[in-house]
Amino acid sequence: MIQETLARLKPLASAADVWVITNEWLHEVIVEQLPEIATAHVLAEPCPRNTAPACALAAFLLEKTAPDTVLGVFPSDHTVADPKRFAEVIGAGVRLAAAGSNIVVLGVTPTRAETGYGYIEQGAVVEVGDVTVRRVRRFREKPDPATAERFLAAGNFVWNGGIFLWSAKTLAAAVREYAPDMAEILETIAAAFGTDGFEAVFAREYPKCENISVDYAILERVSARGEMRSNIYCLPADFGWNDLGSWASLHEHLGKSERDNVMDGETTGLFAIQSSGNYVYAPGKTVALLGVDGLVVVETADALLITTRARSQDVSKIVRAVHEGGREDLI
């Protein structure tokens, strides 16, 4: 999927302009999988700190040499059905982000009352240059089921697709204003980039950053200025977007209907009796389901996960418990 992410960006930018911010567990394999990317552009966080420090670090690194460069944030767990339309939408977003201190977010028209995604409440339709967009009224956290139903019925709420566009100087300025402590830390790290002491500075300073998403740290605070003053605009992600960050979304991606039982990976067979809507990953195994609906069953060499599709967004709680239990070997 990370190779596909890079491939669909190639019509918009060269590989030399791509940066990857990942973790220590994945650093080596990403370098192998993306040989076109300079090794120095694949940064491994000393510890996980969510998306705000990662995005902000990229902004401060680029601000040093190319402050007007439009920086795009593209999570690598997305699928895109129409790469050509993706390039068109992102191209329009780049032009909009370059036209001043604008921030561009991509919104996905919701197909269900999803509780696992954040939402964007859209405001007025406006023309900015050659792009027709809607102003962002505010960002809304992952809702409970009743609130999600209300968002779906309102018609002006979209899923937050997690793709953002802004110039390096725009994001850096926002971080300095709304997260000054983080800004000071990351500017120290950026100043050391390219020197012999970078790794030591990165390892020492980065863990000091708050563990917070860019949505909470920056976007929600910028949008609090008000719809007409925040300069945040929403473009429709009408290119067949899906986020495979949960087992439920993987079931949706692989299944033909909501009631499909999906057997993923190289398995020897699935027998399902009076069962529907289940996702199963158990390589080399025959799996039998009897009288169960909406389950997620994932077996690997050293662990077994059983949950429901409705709770699959909460797997991070298991990861946290494993970490706190000292079982780093399972992560």
Protein backbone atom coordinates (compact mmCIF):
# COMPACT_ATOMS: atom_id res chain seq x y z
CA MET A 1 0.00 0.00 0.00
CA ILE A 2 2.87 2.38 0.64
CA GLN A 3 4.16 1.63 -2.87
CA GLU A 4 0.70 2.47 -4.24
CA THR A 5 0.68 5.71 -2.25
CA LEU A 6 3.94 6.75 -3.87
CA ALA A 7 2.78 5.67 -7.34
CA ARG A 8 -0.32 7.86 -7.31
CA LEU A 9 1.74 10.87 -6.20
CA LYS A 10 4.21 10.58 -9.09
CA PRO A 11 2.11 12.69 -11.50
CA LEU A 12 2.30 15.48 -8.90
CA ALA A 13 5.81 15.30 -7.45
CA SER A 14 9.11 13.55 -7.99
CA ALA A 15 10.35 10.85 -5.66
CA ALA A 16 13.10 13.25 -4.60
CA ASP A 17 10.43 15.43 -2.98
CA VAL A 18 8.84 12.64 -0.94
CA TRP A 19 9.43 12.19 2.78
CA VAL A 20 8.27 9.25 4.87
CA ILE A 21 7.86 9.51 8.63
CA THR A 22 7.50 6.10 10.19
CA ASN A 23 8.66 4.15 13.24
CA GLU A 24 11.73 2.11 14.08
CA TRP A 25 9.96 -1.21 13.45
CA LEU A 26 9.11 -0.34 9.84
CA HIS A 27 12.05 1.85 8.86
CA GLU A 28 14.22 -0.84 7.31
CA VAL A 29 11.46 -2.50 5.29
CA ILE A 30 10.18 0.86 3.99
CA VAL A 31 13.67 1.76 2.77
CA GLU A 32 13.69 -1.58 0.92
CA GLN A 33 10.18 -1.15 -0.48
CA LEU A 34 10.74 2.43 -1.68
CA PRO A 35 14.23 2.46 -3.25
CA GLU A 36 13.38 5.67 -5.13
CA ILE A 37 13.16 7.61 -1.88
CA ALA A 38 16.40 8.96 -0.45
CA THR A 39 17.26 7.07 2.73
CA ALA A 40 17.73 10.39 4.52
CA HIS A 41 14.09 11.19 3.70
CA VAL A 42 12.80 8.15 5.61
CA LEU A 43 12.71 9.24 9.23
CA ALA A 44 12.01 6.78 12.04
CA GLU A 45 10.36 8.36 15.07
CA PRO A 46 12.22 7.45 18.29
CA CYS A 47 8.77 6.87 19.80
CA PRO A 48 5.18 7.20 18.53
CA ARG A 49 3.81 10.73 18.89
CA ASN A 50 0.78 10.75 16.56
CA THR A 51 0.38 12.95 13.49
CA ALA A 52 0.91 16.49 14.82
CA PRO A 53 4.66 16.16 15.56
CA ALA A 54 5.20 14.19 12.33
CA CYS A 55 3.44 16.77 10.12
CA ALA A 56 5.02 19.70 11.95
CA LEU A 57 8.52 18.23 11.69
CA ALA A 58 8.08 17.95 7.92
CA ALA A 59 7.00 21.61 7.81
CA PHE A 60 10.00 22.83 9.79
CA LEU A 61 12.40 20.75 7.69
CA LEU A 62 11.01 22.19 4.44
CA GLU A 63 10.64 25.73 5.77
CA LYS A 64 14.43 26.00 6.04
CA THR A 65 14.98 25.75 2.27
CA ALA A 66 11.58 26.02 0.52
CA PRO A 67 8.99 27.77 2.74
CA ASP A 68 6.47 28.25 -0.10
CA THR A 69 6.46 24.57 -1.01
CA VAL A 70 3.02 22.99 -0.64
CA LEU A 71 3.24 20.09 1.76
CA GLY A 72 0.76 17.24 1.37
CA VAL A 73 0.07 14.68 4.09
CA PHE A 74 -0.89 11.26 2.71
CA PRO A 75 -1.43 8.32 5.09
CA SER A 76 -0.28 5.08 3.48
CA ASP A 77 -3.26 2.96 4.59
CA HIS A 78 -5.65 4.48 2.04
CA THR A 79 -6.95 2.94 -1.16
CA VAL A 80 -7.94 5.01 -4.19
CA ALA A 81 -10.11 3.55 -6.93
CA ASP A 82 -9.47 6.34 -9.47
CA PRO A 83 -5.83 7.53 -9.39
CA LYS A 84 -6.40 9.93 -12.32
CA ARG A 85 -9.19 11.73 -10.46
CA PHE A 86 -7.04 11.68 -7.32
CA ALA A 87 -4.30 13.57 -9.17
CA GLU A 88 -6.84 16.12 -10.45
CA VAL A 89 -8.26 16.76 -6.96
CA ILE A 90 -4.86 17.00 -5.31
CA GLY A 91 -3.64 19.30 -8.08
CA ALA A 92 -6.57 21.63 -7.41
CA GLY A 93 -5.82 21.45 -3.70
CA VAL A 94 -2.17 22.35 -4.28
CA ARG A 95 -3.16 25.46 -6.24
CA LEU A 96 -5.53 26.48 -3.48
CA ALA A 97 -2.97 25.89 -0.72
CA ALA A 98 -0.38 27.91 -2.64
CA ALA A 99 -2.73 30.91 -2.92
CA GLY A 100 -1.88 32.46 0.44
CA SER A 101 -2.12 30.90 3.89
CA ASN A 102 -4.88 28.46 2.97
CA ILE A 103 -5.28 25.03 4.52
CA VAL A 104 -6.98 22.37 2.40
CA VAL A 105 -8.60 19.21 3.78
CA LEU A 106 -10.26 16.42 1.85
CA GLY A 107 -13.75 15.29 2.81
CA VAL A 108 -15.35 11.97 1.89
CA THR A 109 -19.11 11.81 1.36
CA PRO A 110 -20.33 9.42 4.08
CA THR A 111 -22.11 6.24 3.04
CA ARG A 112 -23.12 5.21 6.55
CA ALA A 113 -23.26 6.52 10.10
CA GLU A 114 -19.64 5.61 10.79
CA THR A 115 -18.35 6.06 14.34
CA GLY A 116 -14.72 5.27 13.55
CA TYR A 117 -13.95 8.43 11.55
CA GLY A 118 -13.75 12.08 12.45
CA TYR A 119 -16.14 14.41 10.61
CA ILE A 120 -15.87 17.81 8.97
CA GLU A 121 -18.82 20.17 9.21
CA GLN A 122 -18.91 22.14 5.95
CA GLY A 123 -20.02 25.72 5.55
CA ALA A 124 -20.50 28.03 2.56
CA VAL A 125 -19.59 27.15 -1.03
CA VAL A 126 -16.92 29.54 -2.33
CA GLU A 127 -14.77 30.05 -5.41
CA VAL A 128 -11.07 30.40 -4.67
CA GLY A 129 -9.15 30.98 -7.88
CA ASP A 130 -10.18 28.19 -10.25
CA VAL A 131 -11.34 25.88 -7.47
CA THR A 132 -14.87 25.47 -6.09
CA VAL A 133 -14.76 24.42 -2.46
CA ARG A 134 -16.64 24.69 0.80
CA ARG A 135 -15.43 26.48 3.87
CA VAL A 136 -14.83 24.38 6.95
CA ARG A 137 -17.09 25.32 9.84
CA ARG A 138 -15.49 22.97 12.36
CA PHE A 139 -14.01 19.54 12.92
CA ARG A 140 -15.94 16.99 14.91
CA GLU A 141 -14.48 14.08 16.85
CA LYS A 142 -15.42 10.46 16.25
CA PRO A 143 -19.12 10.44 17.20
CA ASP A 144 -21.33 8.02 19.10
CA PRO A 145 -23.90 6.15 16.95
CA ALA A 146 -26.73 8.63 17.55
CA THR A 147 -24.54 11.62 16.66
CA ALA A 148 -23.23 9.84 13.56
CA GLU A 149 -26.82 9.29 12.41
CA ARG A 150 -27.51 12.99 12.92
CA PHE A 151 -24.41 13.95 10.93
CA LEU A 152 -25.46 11.65 8.10
CA ALA A 153 -28.97 13.14 7.99
CA ALA A 154 -27.74 16.75 8.05
CA GLY A 155 -26.10 16.50 4.64
CA ASN A 156 -23.26 18.95 5.24
CA PHE A 157 -20.98 16.59 7.17
CA VAL A 158 -18.22 14.59 5.48
CA TRP A 159 -15.68 12.11 6.76
CA ASN A 160 -12.27 13.56 7.48
CA GLY A 161 -10.12 11.76 4.91
CA GLY A 162 -6.85 12.51 6.73
CA ILE A 163 -5.31 14.16 3.66
CA PHE A 164 -4.15 17.74 4.22
CA LEU A 165 -2.44 20.36 2.05
CA TRP A 166 -0.70 23.55 3.19
CA SER A 167 2.49 25.42 2.49
CA ALA A 168 5.39 24.63 4.78
CA LYS A 169 5.38 28.18 6.13
CA THR A 170 1.61 28.10 6.75
CA LEU A 171 1.79 24.94 8.83
CA ALA A 172 4.95 26.05 10.63
CA ALA A 173 3.30 29.35 11.55
CA ALA A 174 0.18 27.55 12.83
CA VAL A 175 2.30 25.23 14.97
CA ARG A 176 4.18 28.19 16.45
CA GLU A 177 0.87 29.86 17.29
CA TYR A 178 -1.13 26.92 18.62
CA ALA A 179 1.54 24.50 19.85
CA PRO A 180 4.54 26.68 20.78
CA ASP A 181 6.17 24.09 23.04
CA MET A 182 6.11 21.53 20.24
CA ALA A 183 7.36 24.10 17.76
CA GLU A 184 10.43 24.84 19.87
CA ILE A 185 11.31 21.15 20.12
CA LEU A 186 10.83 20.45 16.42
CA GLU A 187 12.76 23.52 15.31
CA THR A 188 15.71 22.23 17.32
CA ILE A 189 15.45 18.88 15.53
CA ALA A 190 15.09 20.50 12.10
CA ALA A 191 18.13 22.69 12.73
CA ALA A 192 20.21 19.55 13.33
CA PHE A 193 19.06 17.77 10.15
CA GLY A 194 21.98 17.04 7.84
CA THR A 195 24.55 17.18 10.63
CA ASP A 196 26.41 14.34 12.33
CA GLY A 197 24.48 14.99 15.52
CA PHE A 198 20.99 14.69 14.01
CA GLU A 199 20.18 11.18 15.24
CA ALA A 200 21.15 12.04 18.80
CA VAL A 201 19.14 15.26 18.76
CA PHE A 202 16.14 13.50 17.21
CA ALA A 203 16.25 10.71 19.82
CA ARG A 204 16.61 13.15 22.70
CA GLU A 205 14.10 15.84 21.70
CA TYR A 206 11.27 14.11 19.83
CA PRO A 207 9.90 12.17 22.85
CA LYS A 208 9.31 15.54 24.52
CA CYS A 209 6.55 16.32 22.00
CA GLU A 210 2.94 15.93 23.02
CA ASN A 211 1.27 12.76 21.71
CA ILE A 212 -1.51 14.44 19.73
CA SER A 213 -3.06 14.37 16.26
CA VAL A 214 -2.69 17.28 13.85
CA ASP A 215 -6.50 17.52 13.83
CA TYR A 216 -6.66 18.31 17.55
CA ALA A 217 -3.42 20.26 17.85
CA ILE A 218 -3.82 22.52 14.82
CA LEU A 219 -6.91 22.13 12.64
CA GLU A 220 -9.54 22.35 15.38
CA ARG A 221 -7.81 25.38 16.88
CA VAL A 222 -7.50 27.16 13.54
CA SER A 223 -11.17 26.45 12.74
CA ALA A 224 -12.14 28.00 16.10
CA ARG A 225 -11.34 31.39 14.53
CA GLY A 226 -14.66 31.04 12.76
CA GLU A 227 -15.75 29.91 9.30
CA MET A 228 -14.97 33.21 7.58
CA ARG A 229 -11.57 33.78 9.22
CA SER A 230 -9.92 30.37 9.41
CA ASN A 231 -8.94 29.90 5.73
CA ILE A 232 -9.63 26.17 5.91
CA TYR A 233 -11.30 24.74 2.83
CA CYS A 234 -12.72 21.30 2.08
CA LEU A 235 -12.36 19.56 -1.27
CA PRO A 236 -14.47 16.49 -2.10
CA ALA A 237 -12.45 13.26 -2.16
CA ASP A 238 -14.52 11.87 -5.03
CA PHE A 239 -11.94 9.37 -6.25
CA GLY A 240 -13.08 6.15 -4.57
CA TRP A 241 -11.43 6.63 -1.16
CA ASN A 242 -11.24 3.99 1.52
CA ASP A 243 -9.22 3.91 4.72
CA LEU A 244 -7.97 0.40 5.50
CA GLY A 245 -6.92 1.35 9.00
CA SER A 246 -9.33 -1.12 10.59
CA TRP A 247 -10.44 -4.71 10.03
CA ALA A 248 -13.98 -3.43 9.38
CA SER A 249 -12.85 -1.25 6.50
CA LEU A 250 -10.80 -4.15 5.10
CA HIS A 251 -13.96 -6.27 5.16
CA GLU A 252 -15.77 -3.51 3.27
CA HIS A 253 -12.94 -3.26 0.75
CA LEU A 254 -12.76 -7.00 0.04
CA GLY A 255 -16.41 -7.98 0.35
CA LYS A 256 -19.10 -7.48 -2.26
CA SER A 257 -21.80 -6.76 0.28
CA GLU A 258 -22.29 -6.04 3.97
CA ARG A 259 -23.32 -9.65 4.64
CA ASP A 260 -20.37 -11.30 2.92
CA ASN A 261 -18.10 -13.56 4.92
CA VAL A 262 -14.60 -12.52 3.85
CA MET A 263 -11.74 -15.00 4.02
CA ASP A 264 -8.48 -13.12 3.51
CA GLY A 265 -5.02 -14.54 2.84
CA GLU A 266 -3.97 -18.00 1.69
CA THR A 267 -6.40 -20.25 3.53
CA THR A 268 -7.49 -23.80 2.98
CA GLY A 269 -11.18 -23.05 3.25
CA LEU A 270 -14.06 -21.35 5.00
CA PHE A 271 -17.26 -23.06 6.08
CA ALA A 272 -19.93 -20.62 7.22
CA ILE A 273 -23.34 -21.80 8.44
CA GLN A 274 -25.97 -19.27 9.49
CA SER A 275 -23.20 -16.67 9.69
CA SER A 276 -22.72 -13.37 7.88
CA GLY A 277 -20.59 -10.24 7.74
CA ASN A 278 -17.48 -11.88 9.22
CA TYR A 279 -13.83 -11.16 8.37
CA VAL A 280 -11.32 -14.00 8.82
CA TYR A 281 -7.56 -14.01 8.32
CA ALA A 282 -5.97 -17.35 9.18
CA PRO A 283 -3.32 -18.41 6.64
CA GLY A 284 -3.01 -22.14 6.20
CA LYS A 285 -6.12 -22.91 8.24
CA THR A 286 -9.63 -24.12 7.51
CA VAL A 287 -12.07 -22.01 9.49
CA ALA A 288 -15.66 -22.92 10.37
CA LEU A 289 -18.20 -20.32 11.45
CA LEU A 290 -21.49 -21.34 13.02
CA GLY A 291 -24.21 -18.91 14.01
CA VAL A 292 -22.01 -15.82 14.31
CA ASP A 293 -22.29 -12.41 12.64
CA GLY A 294 -19.98 -9.43 12.31
CA LEU A 295 -16.87 -11.02 13.83
CA VAL A 296 -13.22 -10.30 13.08
CA VAL A 297 -10.92 -13.30 13.54
CA VAL A 298 -7.21 -12.77 12.84
CA GLU A 299 -4.60 -15.43 13.49
CA THR A 300 -0.86 -14.91 13.06
CA ALA A 301 2.06 -17.10 14.06
CA ASP A 302 2.10 -15.93 17.67
CA ALA A 303 -1.27 -14.33 18.40
CA LEU A 304 -5.01 -14.61 17.89
CA LEU A 305 -7.40 -11.63 17.77
CA ILE A 306 -11.16 -12.03 18.10
CA THR A 307 -13.36 -8.95 18.12
CA THR A 308 -16.38 -7.57 16.31
CA ARG A 309 -16.39 -5.35 13.26
CA ALA A 310 -18.17 -2.72 15.35
CA ARG A 311 -15.24 -2.63 17.80
CA SER A 312 -12.41 -3.09 15.33
CA GLN A 313 -11.44 0.60 15.58
CA ASP A 314 -10.50 -0.09 19.21
CA VAL A 315 -7.68 -2.51 18.45
CA SER A 316 -5.26 0.23 19.49
CA LYS A 317 -6.42 -0.44 23.07
CA ILE A 318 -5.08 -3.98 22.76
CA VAL A 319 -1.78 -2.67 21.38
CA ARG A 320 -1.55 -0.28 24.34
CA ALA A 321 -2.25 -3.11 26.80
CA VAL A 322 0.37 -5.34 25.14
CA HIS A 323 2.89 -2.50 25.34
CA GLU A 324 2.12 -1.81 28.98
CA GLY A 325 2.42 -5.52 29.70
CA GLY A 326 5.99 -5.52 28.42
CA ARG A 327 5.25 -7.76 25.41
CA GLU A 328 7.08 -5.71 22.80
CA ASP A 329 7.72 -8.97 20.93
CA LEU A 330 4.03 -9.00 19.92
CA ILE A 331 3.98 -5.51 18.42
